[in-house]
Each structure stands twice: as structure tokens, then as C-alpha cells.
């Protein structure tokens, strides 16, 4: 995750940090993983500066407080981190086409209007920017699917009752069941405007990582005019 290069008017090269928006990221886990990856780059080792600007947003203020505390304990403090309470469906505090990456892990399934949230993701990303969406998905291997369903709808509720904490576990299982399939989420991302969408199944499809790229938009009329000059 090296920083980008921008050629200035003096002809020199200037490092521009990557701008990341971590949505539904209150606990900071994804942000901390990104920081760890960035700290391994050649740029950080040579300059001692993280090539990142990360904005973490979550609708739950208490979760943000947890993330802030963990960041302080890990020594991740500085202007490169910004914590903002916000709704994934209305990212009014984020400028259009201002982010290089939009990350969300196990958060979209909790959003009421998923289509609106995906359109917001498309809006805030720069052309060429990427959305990385990690969430529960559909098990594609038949025998594995049967085993998983029995475990999820029999063993998990039973364990939850033993722990006297049934509701969160029940919600987890049920929300995973109604969450769009890999193909369904692929279609939703396309409808939001993303042109290039791929996904990678993990553990047979229990979890899936979707990567959606916002295409560059060319002004064809300008290109035609330029070629005729």
C-alpha cells in the first residue's frame, strides 16, 4: 500500500497519502489491519510516516469510543486518523470522489437501505477507487452448506441459550440467511454504478470478499476535439 505520486508544476514528485474510508468500523479492527500493512511498506521504513489518511465512521458512538481507546493503547494516534459518527446511507460529511478506498466488514448486512449505502460508496470514491466489502455469504458447496446450516440453526442457538445471550447470536444467524448471495450482491454493486466487480469466497462461501472498482470517466467529446486540433 504505497502512497501515490503526484507530479508538481516544478517537475518534482510529491507523495500523496492514500485516503481510506472505513465504514461501520467503530471498533477499528479493519483500520488497524490497514495501518499494520502500511507500516510494512518501503515508504514508511524510509520516511517514518504512514502514507495514509483514514476516516473511521460508525452509527454507534459507543463503538467509536471503543475503537479510539484501542487506537490509543496501540499507539495509533495522530492526524492521520479521524473518527466520525455517521450513517452508511448518508455520508454527508464525505466529499464526492475524495476517497481511494472504501472498506466495510460485516457492516452492510446491518444497514437498512443497502442499495442507498452502496450508491454512497460509489459517490465518495475517486475514479479508479476501490470498495472492499467483507460479509457473510452463501455456502456454495452442497454438503458443506448442509453441515453449516445444521450448525448455524441448531448448535449456535443451543450454545446461546446456555450463555443466556440468545438474541445477538440469533440475529447473526438470521441476518446471514437473508443477506444477498454472491451473485445478488454483485448485481447490487453493478446497479450502484461499479463497472468491475469480483468476489473471493472464504471457508466455502460462509464469508465473501467483494472488490468493486469505480471506473475512470472519460470525456469523449473532449478527446475527439483534442484529436482534431
C-alpha atoms as a PDB file:
ATOM      1  CA  UNK A   1       0.000   0.000   0.000  1.00  0.00           C
ATOM      2  CA  UNK A   2       2.495   2.580  -1.193  1.00  0.00           C
ATOM      3  CA  UNK A   3       1.403   6.243  -1.424  1.00  0.00           C
ATOM      4  CA  UNK A   4       0.591   7.694  -4.804  1.00  0.00           C
ATOM      5  CA  UNK A   5       2.870  10.079  -6.659  1.00  0.00           C
ATOM      6  CA  UNK A   6       1.811  13.471  -7.947  1.00  0.00           C
ATOM      7  CA  UNK A   7       3.952  15.475 -10.353  1.00  0.00           C
ATOM      8  CA  UNK A   8       4.014  19.113  -9.246  1.00  0.00           C
ATOM      9  CA  UNK A   9       4.378  22.127 -11.514  1.00  0.00           C
ATOM     10  CA  UNK A  10       8.083  22.351 -10.589  1.00  0.00           C
ATOM     11  CA  UNK A  11       8.577  18.906 -12.090  1.00  0.00           C
ATOM     12  CA  UNK A  12       9.289  17.191  -8.765  1.00  0.00           C
ATOM     13  CA  UNK A  13       7.450  14.185  -7.387  1.00  0.00           C
ATOM     14  CA  UNK A  14       5.391  14.536  -4.214  1.00  0.00           C
ATOM     15  CA  UNK A  15       3.978  11.692  -2.154  1.00  0.00           C
ATOM     16  CA  UNK A  16       0.209  11.863  -1.681  1.00  0.00           C
ATOM     17  CA  UNK A  17      -1.247   9.649   1.087  1.00  0.00           C
ATOM     18  CA  UNK A  18      -3.987   7.172   0.273  1.00  0.00           C
ATOM     19  CA  UNK A  19      -7.347   8.264   1.636  1.00  0.00           C
ATOM     20  CA  UNK A  20      -9.408   5.476   3.191  1.00  0.00           C
ATOM     21  CA  UNK A  21     -12.980   5.476   4.489  1.00  0.00           C
ATOM     22  CA  UNK A  22     -13.683   2.644   6.938  1.00  0.00           C
ATOM     23  CA  UNK A  23     -17.470   2.343   7.273  1.00  0.00           C
ATOM     24  CA  UNK A  24     -19.186   0.541  10.151  1.00  0.00           C
ATOM     25  CA  UNK A  25     -15.672   0.368  11.536  1.00  0.00           C
ATOM     26  CA  UNK A  26     -16.196   1.629  15.071  1.00  0.00           C
ATOM     27  CA  UNK A  27     -14.035  -0.983  16.805  1.00  0.00           C
ATOM     28  CA  UNK A  28     -11.155  -0.106  14.476  1.00  0.00           C
ATOM     29  CA  UNK A  29     -10.170  -3.674  13.599  1.00  0.00           C
ATOM     30  CA  UNK A  30     -10.031  -3.110   9.824  1.00  0.00           C
ATOM     31  CA  UNK A  31      -8.301   0.243  10.265  1.00  0.00           C
ATOM     32  CA  UNK A  32      -5.642  -1.297  12.493  1.00  0.00           C
ATOM     33  CA  UNK A  33      -5.032  -4.050   9.928  1.00  0.00           C
ATOM     34  CA  UNK A  34      -4.559  -1.406   7.224  1.00  0.00           C
ATOM     35  CA  UNK A  35      -2.135   0.546   9.418  1.00  0.00           C
ATOM     36  CA  UNK A  36      -0.143  -2.623  10.092  1.00  0.00           C
ATOM     37  CA  UNK A  37       0.068  -3.312   6.359  1.00  0.00           C
ATOM     38  CA  UNK A  38       1.102   0.279   5.628  1.00  0.00           C
ATOM     39  CA  UNK A  39       3.815   0.166   8.299  1.00  0.00           C
ATOM     40  CA  UNK A  40       5.470  -2.632   6.324  1.00  0.00           C
ATOM     41  CA  UNK A  41       5.856  -0.507   3.177  1.00  0.00           C
ATOM     42  CA  UNK A  42       9.178   0.748   1.924  1.00  0.00           C
ATOM     43  CA  UNK A  43       7.881   4.334   2.160  1.00  0.00           C
ATOM     44  CA  UNK A  44       7.209   4.050   5.904  1.00  0.00           C
ATOM     45  CA  UNK A  45      10.551   2.384   6.569  1.00  0.00           C
ATOM     46  CA  UNK A  46      12.387   5.149   4.671  1.00  0.00           C
ATOM     47  CA  UNK A  47      10.375   8.125   5.939  1.00  0.00           C
ATOM     48  CA  UNK A  48       8.799   7.058   9.229  1.00  0.00           C
ATOM     49  CA  UNK A  49       5.455   8.464   8.073  1.00  0.00           C
ATOM     50  CA  UNK A  50       2.347   6.405   7.371  1.00  0.00           C
ATOM     51  CA  UNK A  51       1.151   7.011   3.788  1.00  0.00           C
ATOM     52  CA  UNK A  52      -2.481   7.060   4.931  1.00  0.00           C
ATOM     53  CA  UNK A  53      -5.388   9.238   5.911  1.00  0.00           C
ATOM     54  CA  UNK A  54      -8.155   7.086   7.400  1.00  0.00           C
ATOM     55  CA  UNK A  55     -11.650   8.207   8.356  1.00  0.00           C
ATOM     56  CA  UNK A  56     -13.498   5.723  10.555  1.00  0.00           C
ATOM     57  CA  UNK A  57     -17.263   6.068  10.771  1.00  0.00           C
ATOM     58  CA  UNK A  58     -19.924   4.129  12.641  1.00  0.00           C
ATOM     59  CA  UNK A  59     -23.551   4.825  13.522  1.00  0.00           C
ATOM     60  CA  UNK A  60     -22.867   3.642  17.077  1.00  0.00           C
ATOM     61  CA  UNK A  61     -20.961   6.243  19.092  1.00  0.00           C
ATOM     62  CA  UNK A  62     -20.110   3.731  21.818  1.00  0.00           C
ATOM     63  CA  UNK A  63     -18.350   1.527  19.262  1.00  0.00           C
ATOM     64  CA  UNK A  64     -16.309   4.513  18.102  1.00  0.00           C
ATOM     65  CA  UNK A  65     -15.216   5.134  21.686  1.00  0.00           C
ATOM     66  CA  UNK A  66     -14.059   1.519  21.889  1.00  0.00           C
ATOM     67  CA  UNK A  67     -12.045   2.000  18.698  1.00  0.00           C
ATOM     68  CA  UNK A  68     -10.483   5.243  19.897  1.00  0.00           C
ATOM     69  CA  UNK A  69      -9.399   3.638  23.155  1.00  0.00           C
ATOM     70  CA  UNK A  70      -7.872   0.661  21.336  1.00  0.00           C
ATOM     71  CA  UNK A  71      -6.042   3.022  18.957  1.00  0.00           C
ATOM     72  CA  UNK A  72      -4.502   4.897  21.884  1.00  0.00           C
ATOM     73  CA  UNK A  73      -3.450   1.662  23.569  1.00  0.00           C
ATOM     74  CA  UNK A  74      -1.800   0.508  20.326  1.00  0.00           C
ATOM     75  CA  UNK A  75      -0.038   3.828  19.846  1.00  0.00           C
ATOM     76  CA  UNK A  76      -2.040   4.761  16.754  1.00  0.00           C
ATOM     77  CA  UNK A  77      -2.526   8.446  17.384  1.00  0.00           C
ATOM     78  CA  UNK A  78      -2.185  11.404  15.060  1.00  0.00           C
ATOM     79  CA  UNK A  79      -3.884  13.472  12.410  1.00  0.00           C
ATOM     80  CA  UNK A  80      -3.981  10.502  10.011  1.00  0.00           C
ATOM     81  CA  UNK A  81      -6.965   9.075  11.951  1.00  0.00           C
ATOM     82  CA  UNK A  82     -10.402  10.729  12.090  1.00  0.00           C
ATOM     83  CA  UNK A  83     -13.360   9.241  13.993  1.00  0.00           C
ATOM     84  CA  UNK A  84     -16.853  10.393  12.983  1.00  0.00           C
ATOM     85  CA  UNK A  85     -20.294   9.144  13.958  1.00  0.00           C
ATOM     86  CA  UNK A  86     -22.300   8.642  10.775  1.00  0.00           C
ATOM     87  CA  UNK A  87     -24.782   6.576   8.806  1.00  0.00           C
ATOM     88  CA  UNK A  88     -23.562   4.490   5.857  1.00  0.00           C
ATOM     89  CA  UNK A  89     -26.685   5.543   3.961  1.00  0.00           C
ATOM     90  CA  UNK A  90     -25.906   9.265   4.253  1.00  0.00           C
ATOM     91  CA  UNK A  91     -22.207  10.122   4.260  1.00  0.00           C
ATOM     92  CA  UNK A  92     -22.842  13.865   4.112  1.00  0.00           C
ATOM     93  CA  UNK A  93     -19.523  14.614   5.813  1.00  0.00           C
ATOM     94  CA  UNK A  94     -17.552  12.983   2.968  1.00  0.00           C
ATOM     95  CA  UNK A  95     -16.920  14.867  -0.266  1.00  0.00           C
ATOM     96  CA  UNK A  96     -17.741  13.210  -3.557  1.00  0.00           C
ATOM     97  CA  UNK A  97     -14.812  11.486  -5.309  1.00  0.00           C
ATOM     98  CA  UNK A  98     -12.482  12.051  -2.360  1.00  0.00           C
ATOM     99  CA  UNK A  99     -11.505   8.524  -1.232  1.00  0.00           C
ATOM    100  CA  UNK A 100      -9.144   5.941  -2.702  1.00  0.00           C
ATOM    101  CA  UNK A 101     -10.587   3.045  -0.697  1.00  0.00           C
ATOM    102  CA  UNK A 102     -13.911   2.313   0.981  1.00  0.00           C
ATOM    103  CA  UNK A 103     -13.798  -0.606   3.403  1.00  0.00           C
ATOM    104  CA  UNK A 104     -16.678  -2.258   5.263  1.00  0.00           C
ATOM    105  CA  UNK A 105     -16.551  -5.568   7.133  1.00  0.00           C
ATOM    106  CA  UNK A 106     -19.699  -7.273   8.417  1.00  0.00           C
ATOM    107  CA  UNK A 107     -21.500  -3.950   8.347  1.00  0.00           C
ATOM    108  CA  UNK A 108     -23.589  -3.743   5.183  1.00  0.00           C
ATOM    109  CA  UNK A 109     -25.851  -6.567   6.418  1.00  0.00           C
ATOM    110  CA  UNK A 110     -26.863  -4.274   9.307  1.00  0.00           C
ATOM    111  CA  UNK A 111     -27.752  -1.355   7.012  1.00  0.00           C
ATOM    112  CA  UNK A 112     -31.465  -0.878   6.373  1.00  0.00           C
ATOM    113  CA  UNK A 113     -31.187   0.508   2.842  1.00  0.00           C
ATOM    114  CA  UNK A 114     -28.290  -1.401   1.335  1.00  0.00           C
ATOM    115  CA  UNK A 115     -28.756   0.000  -2.166  1.00  0.00           C
ATOM    116  CA  UNK A 116     -28.502   3.550  -0.846  1.00  0.00           C
ATOM    117  CA  UNK A 117     -25.352   2.688   1.112  1.00  0.00           C
ATOM    118  CA  UNK A 118     -23.715   1.180  -1.976  1.00  0.00           C
ATOM    119  CA  UNK A 119     -24.547   4.277  -4.020  1.00  0.00           C
ATOM    120  CA  UNK A 120     -22.970   6.419  -1.311  1.00  0.00           C
ATOM    121  CA  UNK A 121     -19.855   4.251  -1.513  1.00  0.00           C
ATOM    122  CA  UNK A 122     -19.715   4.844  -5.256  1.00  0.00           C
ATOM    123  CA  UNK A 123     -20.178   8.598  -4.786  1.00  0.00           C
ATOM    124  CA  UNK A 124     -17.344   9.125  -2.305  1.00  0.00           C
ATOM    125  CA  UNK A 125     -14.778   7.055  -4.224  1.00  0.00           C
ATOM    126  CA  UNK A 126     -12.401   8.668  -6.684  1.00  0.00           C
ATOM    127  CA  UNK A 127     -12.386   7.309 -10.245  1.00  0.00           C
ATOM    128  CA  UNK A 128     -10.257   4.179 -10.001  1.00  0.00           C
ATOM    129  CA  UNK A 129     -11.051   3.860  -6.289  1.00  0.00           C
ATOM    130  CA  UNK A 130     -11.983   0.502  -4.784  1.00  0.00           C
ATOM    131  CA  UNK A 131     -14.680  -0.693  -2.420  1.00  0.00           C
ATOM    132  CA  UNK A 132     -13.709  -3.716  -0.325  1.00  0.00           C
ATOM    133  CA  UNK A 133     -16.778  -5.363   1.195  1.00  0.00           C
ATOM    134  CA  UNK A 134     -16.375  -8.345   3.521  1.00  0.00           C
ATOM    135  CA  UNK A 135     -19.512 -10.050   4.809  1.00  0.00           C
ATOM    136  CA  UNK A 136     -21.454 -13.259   5.321  1.00  0.00           C
ATOM    137  CA  UNK A 137     -22.442 -15.017   2.119  1.00  0.00           C
ATOM    138  CA  UNK A 138     -23.929 -18.224   0.736  1.00  0.00           C
ATOM    139  CA  UNK A 139     -22.139 -21.558   1.058  1.00  0.00           C
ATOM    140  CA  UNK A 140     -21.752 -22.908  -2.471  1.00  0.00           C
ATOM    141  CA  UNK A 141     -20.608 -26.487  -1.766  1.00  0.00           C
ATOM    142  CA  UNK A 142     -23.822 -28.548  -1.182  1.00  0.00           C
ATOM    143  CA  UNK A 143     -22.526 -30.903   1.517  1.00  0.00           C
ATOM    144  CA  UNK A 144     -20.739 -28.069   3.298  1.00  0.00           C
ATOM    145  CA  UNK A 145     -23.921 -25.968   3.091  1.00  0.00           C
ATOM    146  CA  UNK A 146     -25.948 -28.698   4.835  1.00  0.00           C
ATOM    147  CA  UNK A 147     -23.375 -29.018   7.622  1.00  0.00           C
ATOM    148  CA  UNK A 148     -23.183 -25.258   8.072  1.00  0.00           C
ATOM    149  CA  UNK A 149     -26.976 -24.820   8.181  1.00  0.00           C
ATOM    150  CA  UNK A 150     -27.313 -27.521  10.851  1.00  0.00           C
ATOM    151  CA  UNK A 151     -24.542 -25.940  12.897  1.00  0.00           C
ATOM    152  CA  UNK A 152     -25.875 -22.378  12.497  1.00  0.00           C
ATOM    153  CA  UNK A 153     -29.536 -23.115  13.203  1.00  0.00           C
ATOM    154  CA  UNK A 154     -29.126 -25.860  15.808  1.00  0.00           C
ATOM    155  CA  UNK A 155     -25.791 -25.688  17.625  1.00  0.00           C
ATOM    156  CA  UNK A 156     -25.400 -21.899  17.735  1.00  0.00           C
ATOM    157  CA  UNK A 157     -28.876 -21.204  19.247  1.00  0.00           C
ATOM    158  CA  UNK A 158     -28.323 -24.001  21.776  1.00  0.00           C
ATOM    159  CA  UNK A 159     -24.977 -22.539  22.849  1.00  0.00           C
ATOM    160  CA  UNK A 160     -26.518 -19.065  23.011  1.00  0.00           C
ATOM    161  CA  UNK A 161     -29.237 -20.303  25.373  1.00  0.00           C
ATOM    162  CA  UNK A 162     -26.581 -21.861  27.597  1.00  0.00           C
ATOM    163  CA  UNK A 163     -24.833 -18.495  27.736  1.00  0.00           C
ATOM    164  CA  UNK A 164     -28.155 -16.773  28.410  1.00  0.00           C
ATOM    165  CA  UNK A 165     -27.421 -14.462  25.482  1.00  0.00           C
ATOM    166  CA  UNK A 166     -29.612 -15.790  22.703  1.00  0.00           C
ATOM    167  CA  UNK A 167     -30.700 -12.628  20.857  1.00  0.00           C
ATOM    168  CA  UNK A 168     -27.327 -11.481  19.381  1.00  0.00           C
ATOM    169  CA  UNK A 169     -26.487 -14.968  18.123  1.00  0.00           C
ATOM    170  CA  UNK A 170     -29.959 -15.464  16.696  1.00  0.00           C
ATOM    171  CA  UNK A 171     -29.680 -12.137  14.890  1.00  0.00           C
ATOM    172  CA  UNK A 172     -26.288 -13.117  13.487  1.00  0.00           C
ATOM    173  CA  UNK A 173     -27.619 -16.347  12.022  1.00  0.00           C
ATOM    174  CA  UNK A 174     -30.844 -14.844  10.666  1.00  0.00           C
ATOM    175  CA  UNK A 175     -29.161 -11.788   9.147  1.00  0.00           C
ATOM    176  CA  UNK A 176     -26.676 -14.048   7.369  1.00  0.00           C
ATOM    177  CA  UNK A 177     -29.549 -16.141   5.987  1.00  0.00           C
ATOM    178  CA  UNK A 178     -31.331 -13.156   4.378  1.00  0.00           C
ATOM    179  CA  UNK A 179     -28.155 -11.403   3.183  1.00  0.00           C
ATOM    180  CA  UNK A 180     -27.784 -11.371  -0.621  1.00  0.00           C
ATOM    181  CA  UNK A 181     -25.874 -14.179  -2.287  1.00  0.00           C
ATOM    182  CA  UNK A 182     -22.567 -13.555  -4.037  1.00  0.00           C
ATOM    183  CA  UNK A 183     -24.409 -13.047  -7.317  1.00  0.00           C
ATOM    184  CA  UNK A 184     -27.074 -10.880  -5.683  1.00  0.00           C
ATOM    185  CA  UNK A 185     -24.525  -8.541  -4.108  1.00  0.00           C
ATOM    186  CA  UNK A 186     -22.576  -8.490  -7.383  1.00  0.00           C
ATOM    187  CA  UNK A 187     -25.717  -7.258  -9.137  1.00  0.00           C
ATOM    188  CA  UNK A 188     -26.385  -4.627  -6.453  1.00  0.00           C
ATOM    189  CA  UNK A 189     -22.847  -3.256  -6.792  1.00  0.00           C
ATOM    190  CA  UNK A 190     -23.284  -3.051 -10.555  1.00  0.00           C
ATOM    191  CA  UNK A 191     -26.573  -1.202 -10.114  1.00  0.00           C
ATOM    192  CA  UNK A 192     -24.813   1.260  -7.796  1.00  0.00           C
ATOM    193  CA  UNK A 193     -22.502   2.201 -10.671  1.00  0.00           C
ATOM    194  CA  UNK A 194     -19.460  -0.028 -10.252  1.00  0.00           C
ATOM    195  CA  UNK A 195     -18.297  -1.473 -13.573  1.00  0.00           C
ATOM    196  CA  UNK A 196     -15.725  -4.019 -12.420  1.00  0.00           C
ATOM    197  CA  UNK A 197     -16.815  -6.311  -9.572  1.00  0.00           C
ATOM    198  CA  UNK A 198     -15.173  -9.529  -8.390  1.00  0.00           C
ATOM    199  CA  UNK A 199     -15.545 -11.652  -5.272  1.00  0.00           C
ATOM    200  CA  UNK A 200     -13.487 -14.236  -3.426  1.00  0.00           C
ATOM    201  CA  UNK A 201     -15.144 -16.895  -1.291  1.00  0.00           C
ATOM    202  CA  UNK A 202     -13.640 -17.822   2.062  1.00  0.00           C
ATOM    203  CA  UNK A 203     -14.391 -21.004   4.040  1.00  0.00           C
ATOM    204  CA  UNK A 204     -16.516 -22.324   1.213  1.00  0.00           C
ATOM    205  CA  UNK A 205     -18.596 -19.182   0.905  1.00  0.00           C
ATOM    206  CA  UNK A 206     -19.577 -18.588   4.529  1.00  0.00           C
ATOM    207  CA  UNK A 207     -17.742 -15.297   4.093  1.00  0.00           C
ATOM    208  CA  UNK A 208     -17.022 -13.492   0.842  1.00  0.00           C
ATOM    209  CA  UNK A 209     -14.839 -10.524  -0.073  1.00  0.00           C
ATOM    210  CA  UNK A 210     -16.237  -8.324  -2.839  1.00  0.00           C
ATOM    211  CA  UNK A 211     -13.952  -5.859  -4.602  1.00  0.00           C
ATOM    212  CA  UNK A 212     -15.690  -3.215  -6.700  1.00  0.00           C
ATOM    213  CA  UNK A 213     -13.775  -0.641  -8.730  1.00  0.00           C
ATOM    214  CA  UNK A 214     -15.100   2.734  -9.792  1.00  0.00           C
ATOM    215  CA  UNK A 215     -14.240   3.252 -13.450  1.00  0.00           C
ATOM    216  CA  UNK A 216     -12.484   6.277 -14.816  1.00  0.00           C
ATOM    217  CA  UNK A 217     -14.895   8.507 -16.708  1.00  0.00           C
ATOM    218  CA  UNK A 218     -13.518   9.946 -19.907  1.00  0.00           C
ATOM    219  CA  UNK A 219     -14.849  12.996 -21.674  1.00  0.00           C
ATOM    220  CA  UNK A 220     -15.113  11.551 -25.167  1.00  0.00           C
ATOM    221  CA  UNK A 221     -16.198  14.846 -26.738  1.00  0.00           C
ATOM    222  CA  UNK A 222     -13.056  16.482 -25.331  1.00  0.00           C
ATOM    223  CA  UNK A 223     -10.891  13.660 -26.672  1.00  0.00           C
ATOM    224  CA  UNK A 224     -12.410  13.954 -30.140  1.00  0.00           C
ATOM    225  CA  UNK A 225     -11.949  17.734 -30.098  1.00  0.00           C
ATOM    226  CA  UNK A 226      -8.331  17.398 -28.948  1.00  0.00           C
ATOM    227  CA  UNK A 227      -7.534  14.937 -31.726  1.00  0.00           C
ATOM    228  CA  UNK A 228      -8.857  17.366 -34.306  1.00  0.00           C
ATOM    229  CA  UNK A 229      -6.775  20.322 -33.138  1.00  0.00           C
END
